[in-house]
């Protein structure tokens, strides 16, 4: 499998700072915001975004972690025993602006599951979606409000996000799963 780095650590940093500023501008400040990162790589991304906004706005923003495993629509078709991770939402999300953060937006099914899980936890004023990478191929009518980078891909390609807090480095790579044919 061929791997090509498409975002460096510096590229990721710039994208997150830009998104943080866009969130503050769109929401006219950071009041009533709650960040919720989707397990696994969305959580550190949400923490970084909240930190950037805290530096600019001077207020503490609650950051939570959301596991969508039991909300997936493909559990019955998977012959795996699902590994449920921790959901920890440190603030009541009712009447708050929830900023949902994930690393890659692909078909939209994970985001739909995350919205279902959030609605079970409260009734937010709004849910806004942040993704580091939007790769296309939607199966559901879901779009990102904020995207670090749009990277059109083929179905033979895979996006791999490496996050320092989990993987020891910050990079985004594209992998080609299609064999070279003559």
Protein backbone atom coordinates (compact mmCIF):
# COMPACT_ATOMS: atom_id res chain seq x y z
CA UNK A 1 0.00 0.00 0.00
CA UNK A 2 1.43 3.36 -1.06
CA UNK A 3 1.29 6.19 1.53
CA UNK A 4 1.65 9.87 0.60
CA UNK A 5 1.72 12.62 3.25
CA UNK A 6 -0.79 15.31 2.31
CA UNK A 7 -0.78 17.43 5.49
CA UNK A 8 2.21 18.12 7.72
CA UNK A 9 2.15 19.03 11.39
CA UNK A 10 2.34 22.71 10.44
CA UNK A 11 -0.55 22.32 7.96
CA UNK A 12 -2.72 20.73 10.65
CA UNK A 13 -1.83 23.50 13.14
CA UNK A 14 -2.73 26.23 10.62
CA UNK A 15 -6.01 24.54 9.73
CA UNK A 16 -7.05 24.21 13.38
CA UNK A 17 -6.18 27.84 14.18
CA UNK A 18 -8.19 28.98 11.13
CA UNK A 19 -11.17 26.82 12.15
CA UNK A 20 -11.01 28.15 15.73
CA UNK A 21 -11.27 31.71 14.42
CA UNK A 22 -14.14 30.75 12.09
CA UNK A 23 -16.05 29.20 15.02
CA UNK A 24 -15.67 32.34 17.13
CA UNK A 25 -16.72 34.56 14.22
CA UNK A 26 -19.76 32.48 13.29
CA UNK A 27 -20.95 32.17 16.90
CA UNK A 28 -20.17 35.81 17.79
CA UNK A 29 -17.86 34.68 20.57
CA UNK A 30 -17.42 31.49 22.53
CA UNK A 31 -20.27 31.71 25.04
CA UNK A 32 -22.65 28.74 25.09
CA UNK A 33 -20.14 26.53 23.22
CA UNK A 34 -19.46 22.93 24.20
CA UNK A 35 -16.90 20.95 22.20
CA UNK A 36 -17.50 17.22 21.77
CA UNK A 37 -14.82 15.10 20.11
CA UNK A 38 -15.73 11.79 18.56
CA UNK A 39 -13.61 8.92 19.86
CA UNK A 40 -10.78 8.49 19.08
CA UNK A 41 -8.97 11.21 17.11
CA UNK A 42 -11.76 13.77 17.34
CA UNK A 43 -11.17 14.14 21.08
CA UNK A 44 -7.63 15.61 20.93
CA UNK A 45 -8.65 17.77 17.96
CA UNK A 46 -11.58 19.16 19.99
CA UNK A 47 -9.25 19.88 22.92
CA UNK A 48 -6.83 21.75 20.66
CA UNK A 49 -9.61 23.84 19.10
CA UNK A 50 -11.02 24.72 22.51
CA UNK A 51 -7.53 25.69 23.69
CA UNK A 52 -6.99 28.04 20.71
CA UNK A 53 -10.35 29.70 21.34
CA UNK A 54 -9.65 30.01 25.07
CA UNK A 55 -6.40 31.84 24.28
CA UNK A 56 -8.27 34.38 22.13
CA UNK A 57 -11.54 34.74 24.08
CA UNK A 58 -10.24 34.20 27.62
CA UNK A 59 -13.00 31.80 28.67
CA UNK A 60 -12.91 28.09 29.47
CA UNK A 61 -14.84 25.90 27.05
CA UNK A 62 -16.05 22.46 28.17
CA UNK A 63 -14.68 19.62 26.03
CA UNK A 64 -16.17 16.14 26.02
CA UNK A 65 -15.63 12.76 24.39
CA UNK A 66 -18.35 10.85 22.55
CA UNK A 67 -18.38 7.15 21.68
CA UNK A 68 -20.83 6.25 18.90
CA UNK A 69 -20.24 2.49 18.82
CA UNK A 70 -23.73 1.51 19.99
CA UNK A 71 -25.35 4.02 17.61
CA UNK A 72 -23.73 2.64 14.45
CA UNK A 73 -26.13 1.38 11.79
CA UNK A 74 -23.77 -1.44 10.74
CA UNK A 75 -23.38 -3.26 14.06
CA UNK A 76 -25.57 -6.15 12.95
CA UNK A 77 -23.55 -6.63 9.76
CA UNK A 78 -20.21 -6.64 11.58
CA UNK A 79 -19.11 -9.94 13.01
CA UNK A 80 -17.06 -8.14 15.61
CA UNK A 81 -17.66 -7.58 19.27
CA UNK A 82 -17.80 -3.80 19.50
CA UNK A 83 -15.33 -2.10 21.79
CA UNK A 84 -17.20 0.65 23.58
CA UNK A 85 -15.08 3.62 24.61
CA UNK A 86 -15.87 6.28 27.15
CA UNK A 87 -18.47 8.99 26.60
CA UNK A 88 -17.80 11.93 28.88
CA UNK A 89 -19.71 15.15 28.33
CA UNK A 90 -18.64 17.59 31.11
CA UNK A 91 -21.52 20.02 30.67
CA UNK A 92 -25.24 19.93 30.01
CA UNK A 93 -25.66 20.37 26.24
CA UNK A 94 -29.29 21.51 26.39
CA UNK A 95 -29.58 24.98 24.82
CA UNK A 96 -25.84 25.02 24.04
CA UNK A 97 -24.07 25.24 20.71
CA UNK A 98 -22.36 21.88 20.38
CA UNK A 99 -19.25 21.80 18.23
CA UNK A 100 -18.92 18.16 17.12
CA UNK A 101 -15.35 17.30 16.05
CA UNK A 102 -14.10 14.35 14.00
CA UNK A 103 -10.97 13.66 11.99
CA UNK A 104 -12.44 12.52 8.64
CA UNK A 105 -15.86 13.00 7.04
CA UNK A 106 -16.61 10.26 4.53
CA UNK A 107 -20.10 8.74 4.09
CA UNK A 108 -21.73 10.74 6.87
CA UNK A 109 -22.93 7.67 8.77
CA UNK A 110 -20.66 8.21 11.78
CA UNK A 111 -21.82 11.82 12.06
CA UNK A 112 -25.48 10.72 11.93
CA UNK A 113 -24.76 8.26 14.74
CA UNK A 114 -23.02 11.00 16.73
CA UNK A 115 -26.00 13.33 16.33
CA UNK A 116 -28.32 10.58 17.56
CA UNK A 117 -26.09 10.06 20.61
CA UNK A 118 -25.97 13.81 21.33
CA UNK A 119 -29.75 14.16 21.11
CA UNK A 120 -30.07 11.34 23.66
CA UNK A 121 -27.93 13.47 26.02
CA UNK A 122 -29.91 16.70 25.67
CA UNK A 123 -31.43 19.18 23.25
CA UNK A 124 -28.68 21.45 21.94
CA UNK A 125 -29.46 24.85 20.45
CA UNK A 126 -27.40 23.74 17.44
CA UNK A 127 -24.85 21.16 16.37
CA UNK A 128 -21.99 22.37 14.20
CA UNK A 129 -19.59 19.93 12.57
CA UNK A 130 -15.81 20.32 12.41
CA UNK A 131 -13.68 17.85 10.46
CA UNK A 132 -9.99 17.95 9.75
CA UNK A 133 -10.51 16.21 6.38
CA UNK A 134 -13.59 16.05 4.13
CA UNK A 135 -12.99 13.33 1.56
CA UNK A 136 -16.38 13.24 -0.16
CA UNK A 137 -18.48 10.15 -1.02
CA UNK A 138 -21.48 11.08 1.11
CA UNK A 139 -24.26 8.53 1.55
CA UNK A 140 -26.31 10.83 3.81
CA UNK A 141 -27.10 14.55 3.43
CA UNK A 142 -24.47 15.71 5.93
CA UNK A 143 -21.86 18.42 5.43
CA UNK A 144 -19.15 19.97 7.57
CA UNK A 145 -19.60 23.51 8.84
CA UNK A 146 -15.82 23.77 9.17
CA UNK A 147 -13.24 21.66 7.32
CA UNK A 148 -9.47 21.78 7.56
CA UNK A 149 -9.08 20.53 4.00
CA UNK A 150 -11.27 19.05 1.29
CA UNK A 151 -9.48 16.12 -0.32
CA UNK A 152 -11.40 14.40 -3.11
CA UNK A 153 -10.58 10.69 -3.03
CA UNK A 154 -11.44 7.54 -4.89
CA UNK A 155 -13.02 4.64 -3.05
CA UNK A 156 -9.68 2.80 -3.44
CA UNK A 157 -7.97 5.41 -1.32
CA UNK A 158 -7.96 5.73 2.43
CA UNK A 159 -7.22 8.76 4.56
CA UNK A 160 -5.09 8.11 7.64
CA UNK A 161 -4.91 10.83 10.27
CA UNK A 162 -2.06 10.68 12.75
CA UNK A 163 -2.51 12.76 15.91
CA UNK A 164 0.41 13.39 18.27
CA UNK A 165 -1.57 12.58 21.43
CA UNK A 166 -2.44 9.11 20.06
CA UNK A 167 0.09 8.29 17.34
CA UNK A 168 3.13 10.31 18.40
CA UNK A 169 3.04 12.56 15.31
CA UNK A 170 0.77 14.96 13.47
CA UNK A 171 0.27 14.09 9.79
CA UNK A 172 -2.41 13.19 7.32
CA UNK A 173 -1.65 10.57 4.70
CA UNK A 174 -3.51 9.16 1.76
CA UNK A 175 -3.13 5.45 1.12
CA UNK A 176 -3.91 3.71 -2.16
CA UNK A 177 -5.45 0.24 -1.64
CA UNK A 178 -5.75 -0.52 -5.36
CA UNK A 179 -3.09 -2.82 -6.74
CA UNK A 180 -1.07 -1.51 -9.66
CA UNK A 181 -2.24 -3.28 -12.79
CA UNK A 182 -0.44 -3.31 -16.10
